[in-house]
Amino acid sequence: MLFLLYCLLYQQGCSITIPTVPVDPPIFICSLCFLTITHKYYPLAFYTALIGYLAYAIYKIFDANGVIDWITLHDEESLVQTMKAEKPWIEEAREFFGLLICWIVVLINWVYLKRRAGNN
C-alpha cells in the first residue's frame, strides 16, 4: 500500500512538471505491474490505464508532429538514428510506440488478472 501511495504522490509531482501528461506513464504502469505481481485486481485502475494510454496514443497519431506527419512528410525517418530531441516528429512517433507498448502490457496484465479472478 505504501508503494501505491508513493506512486500517487510521485504522479502529482510529475503532473506539475509535465503539463501534457496528467500522470507519469512509467510510474503508473509500474504500479499496475506491481498489482499484477501481487495478484491484486483493481478493475478501475486497469480500465483507466487502458483508456488513457489508448486515447493518448490516438492523440499522438493525429498531433501536428505526430505519427501521420512522420509517415507522410518526413519519409518515415529512422526512429533510432540519434536519441537527441532534434526532430519533434521523431519524438512524437517514439512516444506513440512507447504508449502502444504500455497499452499492450496493461492489456496482458488485465487479461491475466481477470482470468485469475474468474478461476477463484
PDB file of N, CA and C in Angstrom:
ATOM      1  N   MET A   1       0.817  -1.191   0.000  1.00  0.00           N
ATOM      2  CA  MET A   1       0.000   0.000   0.000  1.00  0.00           C
ATOM      3  C   MET A   1       0.866   1.264   0.000  1.00  0.00           C
ATOM      4  N   LEU A   2       1.984   1.208   0.688  1.00  0.00           N
ATOM      5  CA  LEU A   2       2.885   2.357   0.692  1.00  0.00           C
ATOM      6  C   LEU A   2       3.443   2.615  -0.700  1.00  0.00           C
ATOM      7  N   PHE A   3       3.679   1.536  -1.453  1.00  0.00           N
ATOM      8  CA  PHE A   3       4.173   1.679  -2.810  1.00  0.00           C
ATOM      9  C   PHE A   3       3.179   2.452  -3.665  1.00  0.00           C
ATOM     10  N   LEU A   4       1.897   2.125  -3.545  1.00  0.00           N
ATOM     11  CA  LEU A   4       0.875   2.835  -4.315  1.00  0.00           C
ATOM     12  C   LEU A   4       0.758   4.298  -3.891  1.00  0.00           C
ATOM     13  N   LEU A   5       0.883   4.551  -2.596  1.00  0.00           N
ATOM     14  CA  LEU A   5       0.855   5.924  -2.111  1.00  0.00           C
ATOM     15  C   LEU A   5       2.029   6.717  -2.687  1.00  0.00           C
ATOM     16  N   TYR A   6       3.200   6.090  -2.688  1.00  0.00           N
ATOM     17  CA  TYR A   6       4.374   6.732  -3.282  1.00  0.00           C
ATOM     18  C   TYR A   6       4.131   7.039  -4.759  1.00  0.00           C
ATOM     19  N   CYS A   7       3.548   6.088  -5.478  1.00  0.00           N
ATOM     20  CA  CYS A   7       3.281   6.294  -6.903  1.00  0.00           C
ATOM     21  C   CYS A   7       2.317   7.453  -7.113  1.00  0.00           C
ATOM     22  N   LEU A   8       1.279   7.522  -6.297  1.00  0.00           N
ATOM     23  CA  LEU A   8       0.318   8.616  -6.425  1.00  0.00           C
ATOM     24  C   LEU A   8       0.963   9.966  -6.132  1.00  0.00           C
ATOM     25  N   LEU A   9       1.783  10.029  -5.087  1.00  0.00           N
ATOM     26  CA  LEU A   9       2.457  11.277  -4.760  1.00  0.00           C
ATOM     27  C   LEU A   9       3.447  11.665  -5.848  1.00  0.00           C
ATOM     28  N   TYR A  10       4.167  10.682  -6.382  1.00  0.00           N
ATOM     29  CA  TYR A  10       5.115  10.942  -7.458  1.00  0.00           C
ATOM     30  C   TYR A  10       4.389  11.452  -8.701  1.00  0.00           C
ATOM     31  N   GLN A  11       3.247  10.864  -8.998  1.00  0.00           N
ATOM     32  CA  GLN A  11       2.481  11.299 -10.165  1.00  0.00           C
ATOM     33  C   GLN A  11       2.025  12.745 -10.005  1.00  0.00           C
ATOM     34  N   GLN A  12       1.629  13.129  -8.819  1.00  0.00           N
ATOM     35  CA  GLN A  12       1.196  14.501  -8.601  1.00  0.00           C
ATOM     36  C   GLN A  12       2.349  15.471  -8.822  1.00  0.00           C
ATOM     37  N   GLY A  13       3.540  15.083  -8.413  1.00  0.00           N
ATOM     38  CA  GLY A  13       4.712  15.925  -8.656  1.00  0.00           C
ATOM     39  C   GLY A  13       5.033  16.036 -10.127  1.00  0.00           C
ATOM     40  N   CYS A  14       4.882  14.934 -10.863  1.00  0.00           N
ATOM     41  CA  CYS A  14       5.172  14.944 -12.294  1.00  0.00           C
ATOM     42  C   CYS A  14       4.129  15.719 -13.078  1.00  0.00           C
ATOM     43  N   SER A  15       2.908  15.748 -12.590  1.00  0.00           N
ATOM     44  CA  SER A  15       1.882  16.462 -13.343  1.00  0.00           C
ATOM     45  C   SER A  15       2.152  17.964 -13.363  1.00  0.00           C
ATOM     46  N   ILE A  16       2.927  18.439 -12.412  1.00  0.00           N
ATOM     47  CA  ILE A  16       3.284  19.855 -12.392  1.00  0.00           C
ATOM     48  C   ILE A  16       4.375  20.123 -13.425  1.00  0.00           C
ATOM     49  N   THR A  17       5.336  19.203 -13.557  1.00  0.00           N
ATOM     50  CA  THR A  17       6.453  19.433 -14.461  1.00  0.00           C
ATOM     51  C   THR A  17       6.156  18.999 -15.894  1.00  0.00           C
ATOM     52  N   ILE A  18       5.200  18.105 -16.092  1.00  0.00           N
ATOM     53  CA  ILE A  18       4.845  17.652 -17.431  1.00  0.00           C
ATOM     54  C   ILE A  18       3.377  18.001 -17.664  1.00  0.00           C
ATOM     55  N   PRO A  19       3.085  19.182 -18.163  1.00  0.00           N
ATOM     56  CA  PRO A  19       1.687  19.605 -18.258  1.00  0.00           C
ATOM     57  C   PRO A  19       0.859  18.827 -19.282  1.00  0.00           C
ATOM     58  N   THR A  20       1.482  18.200 -20.281  1.00  0.00           N
ATOM     59  CA  THR A  20       0.704  17.495 -21.296  1.00  0.00           C
ATOM     60  C   THR A  20       0.257  16.119 -20.821  1.00  0.00           C
ATOM     61  N   VAL A  21       0.910  15.563 -19.807  1.00  0.00           N
ATOM     62  CA  VAL A  21       0.564  14.227 -19.318  1.00  0.00           C
ATOM     63  C   VAL A  21       0.163  14.352 -17.858  1.00  0.00           C
ATOM     64  N   PRO A  22      -1.100  14.048 -17.498  1.00  0.00           N
ATOM     65  CA  PRO A  22      -1.539  14.231 -16.117  1.00  0.00           C
ATOM     66  C   PRO A  22      -0.886  13.261 -15.130  1.00  0.00           C
ATOM     67  N   VAL A  23      -0.471  12.091 -15.580  1.00  0.00           N
ATOM     68  CA  VAL A  23       0.260  11.163 -14.725  1.00  0.00           C
ATOM     69  C   VAL A  23       1.481  10.685 -15.478  1.00  0.00           C
ATOM     70  N   ASP A  24       2.488  10.274 -14.755  1.00  0.00           N
ATOM     71  CA  ASP A  24       3.710   9.794 -15.370  1.00  0.00           C
ATOM     72  C   ASP A  24       3.486   8.356 -15.828  1.00  0.00           C
ATOM     73  N   PRO A  25       3.435   8.095 -17.134  1.00  0.00           N
ATOM     74  CA  PRO A  25       3.121   6.750 -17.609  1.00  0.00           C
ATOM     75  C   PRO A  25       4.033   5.644 -17.067  1.00  0.00           C
ATOM     76  N   PRO A  26       5.363   5.838 -16.975  1.00  0.00           N
ATOM     77  CA  PRO A  26       6.174   4.736 -16.449  1.00  0.00           C
ATOM     78  C   PRO A  26       5.839   4.362 -15.002  1.00  0.00           C
ATOM     79  N   ILE A  27       5.604   5.338 -14.157  1.00  0.00           N
ATOM     80  CA  ILE A  27       5.278   5.027 -12.769  1.00  0.00           C
ATOM     81  C   ILE A  27       3.909   4.368 -12.680  1.00  0.00           C
ATOM     82  N   PHE A  28       2.956   4.835 -13.461  1.00  0.00           N
ATOM     83  CA  PHE A  28       1.620   4.246 -13.431  1.00  0.00           C
ATOM     84  C   PHE A  28       1.648   2.802 -13.902  1.00  0.00           C
ATOM     85  N   ILE A  29       2.381   2.528 -14.981  1.00  0.00           N
ATOM     86  CA  ILE A  29       2.439   1.152 -15.462  1.00  0.00           C
ATOM     87  C   ILE A  29       3.226   0.278 -14.497  1.00  0.00           C
ATOM     88  N   CYS A  30       4.224   0.833 -13.842  1.00  0.00           N
ATOM     89  CA  CYS A  30       4.956   0.054 -12.824  1.00  0.00           C
ATOM     90  C   CYS A  30       4.035  -0.323 -11.672  1.00  0.00           C
ATOM     91  N   SER A  31       3.178   0.599 -11.267  1.00  0.00           N
ATOM     92  CA  SER A  31       2.259   0.274 -10.175  1.00  0.00           C
ATOM     93  C   SER A  31       1.254  -0.786 -10.608  1.00  0.00           C
ATOM     94  N   LEU A  32       0.825  -0.757 -11.874  1.00  0.00           N
ATOM     95  CA  LEU A  32      -0.085  -1.795 -12.361  1.00  0.00           C
ATOM     96  C   LEU A  32       0.612  -3.147 -12.463  1.00  0.00           C
ATOM     97  N   CYS A  33       1.867  -3.151 -12.860  1.00  0.00           N
ATOM     98  CA  CYS A  33       2.634  -4.404 -12.895  1.00  0.00           C
ATOM     99  C   CYS A  33       2.845  -4.938 -11.478  1.00  0.00           C
ATOM    100  N   PHE A  34       3.055  -4.035 -10.532  1.00  0.00           N
ATOM    101  CA  PHE A  34       3.176  -4.453  -9.129  1.00  0.00           C
ATOM    102  C   PHE A  34       1.875  -5.086  -8.651  1.00  0.00           C
ATOM    103  N   LEU A  35       0.747  -4.497  -9.019  1.00  0.00           N
ATOM    104  CA  LEU A  35      -0.547  -5.091  -8.665  1.00  0.00           C
ATOM    105  C   LEU A  35      -0.699  -6.474  -9.283  1.00  0.00           C
ATOM    106  N   THR A  36      -0.224  -6.645 -10.500  1.00  0.00           N
ATOM    107  CA  THR A  36      -0.317  -7.942 -11.154  1.00  0.00           C
ATOM    108  C   THR A  36       0.559  -8.970 -10.446  1.00  0.00           C
ATOM    109  N   ILE A  37       1.760  -8.577 -10.074  1.00  0.00           N
ATOM    110  CA  ILE A  37       2.667  -9.496  -9.378  1.00  0.00           C
ATOM    111  C   ILE A  37       2.073  -9.934  -8.048  1.00  0.00           C
ATOM    112  N   THR A  38       1.426  -9.018  -7.361  1.00  0.00           N
ATOM    113  CA  THR A  38       0.848  -9.335  -6.047  1.00  0.00           C
ATOM    114  C   THR A  38      -0.577  -9.884  -6.164  1.00  0.00           C
ATOM    115  N   HIS A  39      -1.036 -10.098  -7.393  1.00  0.00           N
ATOM    116  CA  HIS A  39      -2.364 -10.680  -7.668  1.00  0.00           C
ATOM    117  C   HIS A  39      -3.497  -9.848  -7.082  1.00  0.00           C
ATOM    118  N   LYS A  40      -3.375  -8.531  -7.159  1.00  0.00           N
ATOM    119  CA  LYS A  40      -4.433  -7.638  -6.701  1.00  0.00           C
ATOM    120  C   LYS A  40      -5.108  -7.056  -7.939  1.00  0.00           C
ATOM    121  N   TYR A  41      -6.393  -7.243  -8.024  1.00  0.00           N
ATOM    122  CA  TYR A  41      -7.143  -6.824  -9.204  1.00  0.00           C
ATOM    123  C   TYR A  41      -8.038  -5.644  -8.857  1.00  0.00           C
ATOM    124  N   TYR A  42      -7.670  -4.470  -9.371  1.00  0.00           N
ATOM    125  CA  TYR A  42      -8.464  -3.260  -9.226  1.00  0.00           C
ATOM    126  C   TYR A  42      -8.914  -2.834 -10.625  1.00  0.00           C
ATOM    127  N   PRO A  43     -10.101  -3.262 -11.025  1.00  0.00           N
ATOM    128  CA  PRO A  43     -10.542  -3.012 -12.402  1.00  0.00           C
ATOM    129  C   PRO A  43     -10.491  -1.543 -12.819  1.00  0.00           C
ATOM    130  N   LEU A  44     -10.863  -0.630 -11.926  1.00  0.00           N
ATOM    131  CA  LEU A  44     -10.884   0.789 -12.280  1.00  0.00           C
ATOM    132  C   LEU A  44      -9.495   1.280 -12.696  1.00  0.00           C
ATOM    133  N   ALA A  45      -8.470   0.843 -11.996  1.00  0.00           N
ATOM    134  CA  ALA A  45      -7.102   1.249 -12.345  1.00  0.00           C
ATOM    135  C   ALA A  45      -6.718   0.745 -13.731  1.00  0.00           C
ATOM    136  N   PHE A  46      -7.076  -0.502 -14.015  1.00  0.00           N
ATOM    137  CA  PHE A  46      -6.726  -1.064 -15.314  1.00  0.00           C
ATOM    138  C   PHE A  46      -7.557  -0.434 -16.434  1.00  0.00           C
ATOM    139  N   TYR A  47      -8.844  -0.199 -16.195  1.00  0.00           N
ATOM    140  CA  TYR A  47      -9.673   0.457 -17.207  1.00  0.00           C
ATOM    141  C   TYR A  47      -9.173   1.866 -17.485  1.00  0.00           C
ATOM    142  N   THR A  48      -8.798   2.566 -16.439  1.00  0.00           N
ATOM    143  CA  THR A  48      -8.267   3.919 -16.597  1.00  0.00           C
ATOM    144  C   THR A  48      -7.005   3.904 -17.447  1.00  0.00           C
ATOM    145  N   ALA A  49      -6.120   2.965 -17.163  1.00  0.00           N
ATOM    146  CA  ALA A  49      -4.874   2.875 -17.929  1.00  0.00           C
ATOM    147  C   ALA A  49      -5.142   2.497 -19.379  1.00  0.00           C
ATOM    148  N   LEU A  50      -6.008   1.511 -19.587  1.00  0.00           N
ATOM    149  CA  LEU A  50      -6.287   1.080 -20.962  1.00  0.00           C
ATOM    150  C   LEU A  50      -6.892   2.215 -21.783  1.00  0.00           C
ATOM    151  N   ILE A  51      -7.847   2.918 -21.204  1.00  0.00           N
ATOM    152  CA  ILE A  51      -8.480   4.022 -21.923  1.00  0.00           C
ATOM    153  C   ILE A  51      -7.520   5.200 -22.072  1.00  0.00           C
ATOM    154  N   GLY A  52      -6.792   5.518 -21.006  1.00  0.00           N
ATOM    155  CA  GLY A  52      -5.873   6.652 -21.036  1.00  0.00           C
ATOM    156  C   GLY A  52      -4.726   6.472 -22.018  1.00  0.00           C
ATOM    157  N   TYR A  53      -4.070   5.311 -21.981  1.00  0.00           N
ATOM    158  CA  TYR A  53      -2.961   5.061 -22.902  1.00  0.00           C
ATOM    159  C   TYR A  53      -3.438   5.039 -24.347  1.00  0.00           C
ATOM    160  N   LEU A  54      -4.587   4.413 -24.589  1.00  0.00           N
ATOM    161  CA  LEU A  54      -5.104   4.345 -25.953  1.00  0.00           C
ATOM    162  C   LEU A  54      -5.499   5.741 -26.459  1.00  0.00           C
ATOM    163  N   ALA A  55      -6.151   6.514 -25.621  1.00  0.00           N
ATOM    164  CA  ALA A  55      -6.559   7.871 -26.028  1.00  0.00           C
ATOM    165  C   ALA A  55      -5.340   8.744 -26.318  1.00  0.00           C
ATOM    166  N   TYR A  56      -4.327   8.653 -25.468  1.00  0.00           N
ATOM    167  CA  TYR A  56      -3.127   9.476 -25.678  1.00  0.00           C
ATOM    168  C   TYR A  56      -2.351   8.996 -26.904  1.00  0.00           C
ATOM    169  N   ALA A  57      -2.358   7.684 -27.164  1.00  0.00           N
ATOM    170  CA  ALA A  57      -1.698   7.163 -28.368  1.00  0.00           C
ATOM    171  C   ALA A  57      -2.421   7.651 -29.624  1.00  0.00           C
ATOM    172  N   ILE A  58      -3.738   7.651 -29.583  1.00  0.00           N
ATOM    173  CA  ILE A  58      -4.501   8.161 -30.729  1.00  0.00           C
ATOM    174  C   ILE A  58      -4.217   9.639 -30.939  1.00  0.00           C
ATOM    175  N   TYR A  59      -4.111  10.382 -29.849  1.00  0.00           N
ATOM    176  CA  TYR A  59      -3.747  11.798 -29.956  1.00  0.00           C
ATOM    177  C   TYR A  59      -2.384  11.952 -30.625  1.00  0.00           C
ATOM    178  N   LYS A  60      -1.436  11.094 -30.274  1.00  0.00           N
ATOM    179  CA  LYS A  60      -0.086  11.163 -30.851  1.00  0.00           C
ATOM    180  C   LYS A  60      -0.098  10.833 -32.341  1.00  0.00           C
ATOM    181  N   ILE A  61      -1.061  10.062 -32.792  1.00  0.00           N
ATOM    182  CA  ILE A  61      -1.159   9.758 -34.227  1.00  0.00           C
ATOM    183  C   ILE A  61      -1.521  11.022 -34.999  1.00  0.00           C
ATOM    184  N   PHE A  62      -2.495  11.788 -34.489  1.00  0.00           N
ATOM    185  CA  PHE A  62      -3.030  12.930 -35.216  1.00  0.00           C
ATOM    186  C   PHE A  62      -2.436  14.275 -34.808  1.00  0.00           C
ATOM    187  N   ASP A  63      -1.483  14.283 -33.903  1.00  0.00           N
ATOM    188  CA  ASP A  63      -0.843  15.515 -33.460  1.00  0.00           C
ATOM    189  C   ASP A  63      -0.146  16.190 -34.643  1.00  0.00           C
ATOM    190  N   ALA A  64       0.115  17.496 -34.532  1.00  0.00           N
ATOM    191  CA  ALA A  64       0.746  18.246 -35.622  1.00  0.00           C
ATOM    192  C   ALA A  64       2.091  17.642 -36.027  1.00  0.00           C
ATOM    193  N   ASN A  65       2.862  17.161 -35.090  1.00  0.00           N
ATOM    194  CA  ASN A  65       4.140  16.498 -35.376  1.00  0.00           C
ATOM    195  C   ASN A  65       4.053  15.014 -35.064  1.00  0.00           C
ATOM    196  N   GLY A  66       2.887  14.443 -35.199  1.00  0.00           N
ATOM    197  CA  GLY A  66       2.663  13.063 -34.792  1.00  0.00           C
ATOM    198  C   GLY A  66       3.078  12.023 -35.813  1.00  0.00           C
ATOM    199  N   VAL A  67       2.504  10.847 -35.664  1.00  0.00           N
ATOM    200  CA  VAL A  67       2.883   9.695 -36.473  1.00  0.00           C
ATOM    201  C   VAL A  67       2.518   9.909 -37.942  1.00  0.00           C
ATOM    202  N   ILE A  68       1.339  10.460 -38.200  1.00  0.00           N
ATOM    203  CA  ILE A  68       0.946  10.699 -39.597  1.00  0.00           C
ATOM    204  C   ILE A  68       1.914  11.677 -40.263  1.00  0.00           C
ATOM    205  N   ASP A  69       2.303  12.708 -39.547  1.00  0.00           N
ATOM    206  CA  ASP A  69       3.280  13.672 -40.054  1.00  0.00           C
ATOM    207  C   ASP A  69       4.612  12.984 -40.332  1.00  0.00           C
ATOM    208  N   TRP A  70       5.034  12.120 -39.420  1.00  0.00           N
ATOM    209  CA  TRP A  70       6.296  11.386 -39.585  1.00  0.00           C
ATOM    210  C   TRP A  70       6.251  10.490 -40.824  1.00  0.00           C
ATOM    211  N   ILE A  71       5.113   9.831 -41.064  1.00  0.00           N
ATOM    212  CA  ILE A  71       4.991   8.919 -42.197  1.00  0.00           C
ATOM    213  C   ILE A  71       4.875   9.683 -43.521  1.00  0.00           C
ATOM    214  N   THR A  72       4.033  10.710 -43.551  1.00  0.00           N
ATOM    215  CA  THR A  72       3.732  11.370 -44.823  1.00  0.00           C
ATOM    216  C   THR A  72       4.743  12.445 -45.222  1.00  0.00           C
ATOM    217  N   LEU A  73       5.161  13.278 -44.293  1.00  0.00           N
ATOM    218  CA  LEU A  73       6.016  14.412 -44.652  1.00  0.00           C
ATOM    219  C   LEU A  73       7.509  14.167 -44.493  1.00  0.00           C
ATOM    220  N   HIS A  74       7.865  13.192 -43.685  1.00  0.00           N
ATOM    221  CA  HIS A  74       9.288  13.003 -43.388  1.00  0.00           C
ATOM    222  C   HIS A  74       9.793  11.627 -43.802  1.00  0.00           C
ATOM    223  N   ASP A  75       9.084  10.986 -44.706  1.00  0.00           N
ATOM    224  CA  ASP A  75       9.502   9.714 -45.321  1.00  0.00           C
ATOM    225  C   ASP A  75       9.927   8.653 -44.312  1.00  0.00           C
ATOM    226  N   GLU A  76       9.228   8.589 -43.196  1.00  0.00           N
ATOM    227  CA  GLU A  76       9.479   7.572 -42.168  1.00  0.00           C
ATOM    228  C   GLU A  76      10.959   7.491 -41.786  1.00  0.00           C
ATOM    229  N   GLU A  77      11.525   8.625 -41.416  1.00  0.00           N
ATOM    230  CA  GLU A  77      12.920   8.647 -40.975  1.00  0.00           C
ATOM    231  C   GLU A  77      13.124   7.654 -39.837  1.00  0.00           C
ATOM    232  N   SER A  78      14.329   7.149 -39.713  1.00  0.00           N
ATOM    233  CA  SER A  78      14.636   6.165 -38.676  1.00  0.00           C
ATOM    234  C   SER A  78      14.386   6.752 -37.295  1.00  0.00           C
ATOM    235  N   LEU A  79      13.710   5.982 -36.460  1.00  0.00           N
ATOM    236  CA  LEU A  79      13.419   6.429 -35.094  1.00  0.00           C
ATOM    237  C   LEU A  79      14.605   6.226 -34.157  1.00  0.00           C
ATOM    238  N   VAL A  80      15.591   5.467 -34.586  1.00  0.00           N
ATOM    239  CA  VAL A  80      16.710   5.123 -33.706  1.00  0.00           C
ATOM    240  C   VAL A  80      18.020   5.736 -34.162  1.00  0.00           C
ATOM    241  N   GLN A  81      17.972   6.731 -35.020  1.00  0.00           N
ATOM    242  CA  GLN A  81      19.201   7.306 -35.547  1.00  0.00           C
ATOM    243  C   GLN A  81      20.010   8.034 -34.472  1.00  0.00           C
ATOM    244  N   THR A  82      19.376   8.824 -33.645  1.00  0.00           N
ATOM    245  CA  THR A  82      20.037   9.506 -32.534  1.00  0.00           C
ATOM    246  C   THR A  82      19.002   9.728 -31.444  1.00  0.00           C
ATOM    247  N   MET A  83      19.429   9.773 -30.220  1.00  0.00           N
ATOM    248  CA  MET A  83      18.481   9.929 -29.121  1.00  0.00           C
ATOM    249  C   MET A  83      18.353  11.386 -28.679  1.00  0.00           C
ATOM    250  N   LYS A  84      18.767  12.322 -29.513  1.00  0.00           N
ATOM    251  CA  LYS A  84      18.588  13.741 -29.222  1.00  0.00           C
ATOM    252  C   LYS A  84      17.219  14.180 -29.717  1.00  0.00           C
ATOM    253  N   ALA A  85      16.635  15.107 -29.007  1.00  0.00           N
ATOM    254  CA  ALA A  85      15.291  15.593 -29.358  1.00  0.00           C
ATOM    255  C   ALA A  85      15.387  16.734 -30.368  1.00  0.00           C
ATOM    256  N   GLU A  86      15.999  16.456 -31.512  1.00  0.00           N
ATOM    257  CA  GLU A  86      16.179  17.491 -32.519  1.00  0.00           C
ATOM    258  C   GLU A  86      14.983  17.612 -33.451  1.00  0.00           C
ATOM    259  N   LYS A  87      14.304  16.503 -33.687  1.00  0.00           N
ATOM    260  CA  LYS A  87      13.186  16.486 -34.631  1.00  0.00           C
ATOM    261  C   LYS A  87      11.925  16.075 -33.888  1.00  0.00           C
ATOM    262  N   PRO A  88      10.954  16.992 -33.768  1.00  0.00           N
ATOM    263  CA  PRO A  88       9.771  16.698 -32.957  1.00  0.00           C
ATOM    264  C   PRO A  88       8.930  15.541 -33.485  1.00  0.00           C
ATOM    265  N   TRP A  89       8.886  15.333 -34.800  1.00  0.00           N
ATOM    266  CA  TRP A  89       8.082  14.239 -35.340  1.00  0.00           C
ATOM    267  C   TRP A  89       8.640  12.881 -34.947  1.00  0.00           C
ATOM    268  N   ILE A  90       9.965  12.790 -34.794  1.00  0.00           N
ATOM    269  CA  ILE A  90      10.569  11.528 -34.351  1.00  0.00           C
ATOM    270  C   ILE A  90      10.245  11.300 -32.877  1.00  0.00           C
ATOM    271  N   GLU A  91      10.317  12.340 -32.063  1.00  0.00           N
ATOM    272  CA  GLU A  91      10.000  12.203 -30.638  1.00  0.00           C
ATOM    273  C   GLU A  91       8.539  11.804 -30.438  1.00  0.00           C
ATOM    274  N   GLU A  92       7.651  12.403 -31.210  1.00  0.00           N
ATOM    275  CA  GLU A  92       6.226  12.063 -31.087  1.00  0.00           C
ATOM    276  C   GLU A  92       5.964  10.627 -31.528  1.00  0.00           C
ATOM    277  N   ALA A  93       6.628  10.183 -32.583  1.00  0.00           N
ATOM    278  CA  ALA A  93       6.460   8.803 -33.037  1.00  0.00           C
ATOM    279  C   ALA A  93       7.011   7.827 -32.003  1.00  0.00           C
ATOM    280  N   ARG A  94       8.130   8.165 -31.380  1.00  0.00           N
ATOM    281  CA  ARG A  94       8.678   7.317 -30.313  1.00  0.00           C
ATOM    282  C   ARG A  94       7.711   7.238 -29.142  1.00  0.00           C
ATOM    283  N   GLU A  95       7.143   8.371 -28.770  1.00  0.00           N
ATOM    284  CA  GLU A  95       6.172   8.363 -27.669  1.00  0.00           C
ATOM    285  C   GLU A  95       4.958   7.516 -28.013  1.00  0.00           C
ATOM    286  N   PHE A  96       4.506   7.587 -29.266  1.00  0.00           N
ATOM    287  CA  PHE A  96       3.376   6.768 -29.692  1.00  0.00           C
ATOM    288  C   PHE A  96       3.684   5.286 -29.514  1.00  0.00           C
ATOM    289  N   PHE A  97       4.833   4.847 -29.990  1.00  0.00           N
ATOM    290  CA  PHE A  97       5.173   3.431 -29.885  1.00  0.00           C
ATOM    291  C   PHE A  97       5.391   3.013 -28.427  1.00  0.00           C
ATOM    292  N   GLY A  98       5.930   3.915 -27.621  1.00  0.00           N
ATOM    293  CA  GLY A  98       6.063   3.631 -26.190  1.00  0.00           C
ATOM    294  C   GLY A  98       4.706   3.472 -25.518  1.00  0.00           C
ATOM    295  N   LEU A  99       3.767   4.338 -25.870  1.00  0.00           N
ATOM    296  CA  LEU A  99       2.405   4.223 -25.330  1.00  0.00           C
ATOM    297  C   LEU A  99       1.735   2.943 -25.800  1.00  0.00           C
ATOM    298  N   LEU A 100       2.005   2.560 -27.035  1.00  0.00           N
ATOM    299  CA  LEU A 100       1.448   1.310 -27.552  1.00  0.00           C
ATOM    300  C   LEU A 100       1.992   0.108 -26.780  1.00  0.00           C
ATOM    301  N   ILE A 101       3.272   0.129 -26.471  1.00  0.00           N
ATOM    302  CA  ILE A 101       3.866  -0.943 -25.666  1.00  0.00           C
ATOM    303  C   ILE A 101       3.240  -0.967 -24.279  1.00  0.00           C
ATOM    304  N   CYS A 102       3.083   0.211 -23.662  1.00  0.00           N
ATOM    305  CA  CYS A 102       2.447   0.289 -22.338  1.00  0.00           C
ATOM    306  C   CYS A 102       1.029  -0.263 -22.387  1.00  0.00           C
ATOM    307  N   TRP A 103       0.275   0.088 -23.420  1.00  0.00           N
ATOM    308  CA  TRP A 103      -1.102  -0.383 -23.547  1.00  0.00           C
ATOM    309  C   TRP A 103      -1.144  -1.907 -23.670  1.00  0.00           C
ATOM    310  N   ILE A 104      -0.232  -2.479 -24.441  1.00  0.00           N
ATOM    311  CA  ILE A 104      -0.192  -3.936 -24.603  1.00  0.00           C
ATOM    312  C   ILE A 104       0.144  -4.614 -23.277  1.00  0.00           C
ATOM    313  N   VAL A 105       1.098  -4.062 -22.533  1.00  0.00           N
ATOM    314  CA  VAL A 105       1.466  -4.632 -21.230  1.00  0.00           C
ATOM    315  C   VAL A 105       0.291  -4.579 -20.263  1.00  0.00           C
ATOM    316  N   VAL A 106      -0.402  -3.448 -20.208  1.00  0.00           N
ATOM    317  CA  VAL A 106      -1.561  -3.319 -19.318  1.00  0.00           C
ATOM    318  C   VAL A 106      -2.658  -4.293 -19.741  1.00  0.00           C
ATOM    319  N   LEU A 107      -2.868  -4.441 -21.035  1.00  0.00           N
ATOM    320  CA  LEU A 107      -3.877  -5.377 -21.528  1.00  0.00           C
ATOM    321  C   LEU A 107      -3.543  -6.816 -21.128  1.00  0.00           C
ATOM    322  N   ILE A 108      -2.291  -7.203 -21.269  1.00  0.00           N
ATOM    323  CA  ILE A 108      -1.868  -8.558 -20.866  1.00  0.00           C
ATOM    324  C   ILE A 108      -2.076  -8.763 -19.371  1.00  0.00           C
ATOM    325  N   ASN A 109      -1.671  -7.775 -18.570  1.00  0.00           N
ATOM    326  CA  ASN A 109      -1.856  -7.869 -17.116  1.00  0.00           C
ATOM    327  C   ASN A 109      -3.336  -7.943 -16.747  1.00  0.00           C
ATOM    328  N   TRP A 110      -4.157  -7.139 -17.411  1.00  0.00           N
ATOM    329  CA  TRP A 110      -5.595  -7.131 -17.135  1.00  0.00           C
ATOM    330  C   TRP A 110      -6.230  -8.471 -17.468  1.00  0.00           C
ATOM    331  N   VAL A 111      -5.888  -9.038 -18.632  1.00  0.00           N
ATOM    332  CA  VAL A 111      -6.435 -10.344 -19.023  1.00  0.00           C
ATOM    333  C   VAL A 111      -6.004 -11.418 -18.027  1.00  0.00           C
ATOM    334  N   TYR A 112      -4.731 -11.385 -17.633  1.00  0.00           N
ATOM    335  CA  TYR A 112      -4.223 -12.364 -16.669  1.00  0.00           C
ATOM    336  C   TYR A 112      -4.979 -12.284 -15.345  1.00  0.00           C
ATOM    337  N   LEU A 113      -5.113 -11.076 -14.813  1.00  0.00           N
ATOM    338  CA  LEU A 113      -5.784 -10.918 -13.520  1.00  0.00           C
ATOM    339  C   LEU A 113      -7.277 -11.227 -13.608  1.00  0.00           C
ATOM    340  N   LYS A 114      -7.895 -10.862 -14.713  1.00  0.00           N
ATOM    341  CA  LYS A 114      -9.323 -11.154 -14.868  1.00  0.00           C
ATOM    342  C   LYS A 114      -9.567 -12.659 -14.936  1.00  0.00           C
ATOM    343  N   ARG A 115      -8.723 -13.371 -15.662  1.00  0.00           N
ATOM    344  CA  ARG A 115      -8.852 -14.835 -15.723  1.00  0.00           C
ATOM    345  C   ARG A 115      -8.593 -15.455 -14.354  1.00  0.00           C
ATOM    346  N   ARG A 116      -7.591 -14.938 -13.657  1.00  0.00           N
ATOM    347  CA  ARG A 116      -7.260 -15.464 -12.329  1.00  0.00           C
ATOM    348  C   ARG A 116      -8.406 -15.205 -11.361  1.00  0.00           C
ATOM    349  N   ALA A 117      -9.016 -14.033 -11.444  1.00  0.00           N
ATOM    350  CA  ALA A 117     -10.146 -13.712 -10.567  1.00  0.00           C
ATOM    351  C   ALA A 117     -11.360 -14.574 -10.900  1.00  0.00           C
ATOM    352  N   GLY A 118     -11.522 -14.926 -12.164  1.00  0.00           N
ATOM    353  CA  GLY A 118     -12.635 -15.778 -12.556  1.00  0.00           C
ATOM    354  C   GLY A 118     -12.478 -17.224 -12.122  1.00  0.00           C
ATOM    355  N   ASN A 119     -11.226 -17.671 -11.956  1.00  0.00           N
ATOM    356  CA  ASN A 119     -10.966 -19.050 -11.528  1.00  0.00           C
ATOM    357  C   ASN A 119     -11.133 -19.241 -10.032  1.00  0.00           C
ATOM    358  N   ASN A 120     -11.058 -18.176  -9.263  1.00  0.00           N
ATOM    359  CA  ASN A 120     -11.158 -18.294  -7.788  1.00  0.00           C
ATOM    360  C   ASN A 120     -12.562 -18.152  -7.304  1.00  0.00           C
TER     361      ASN A 120
END
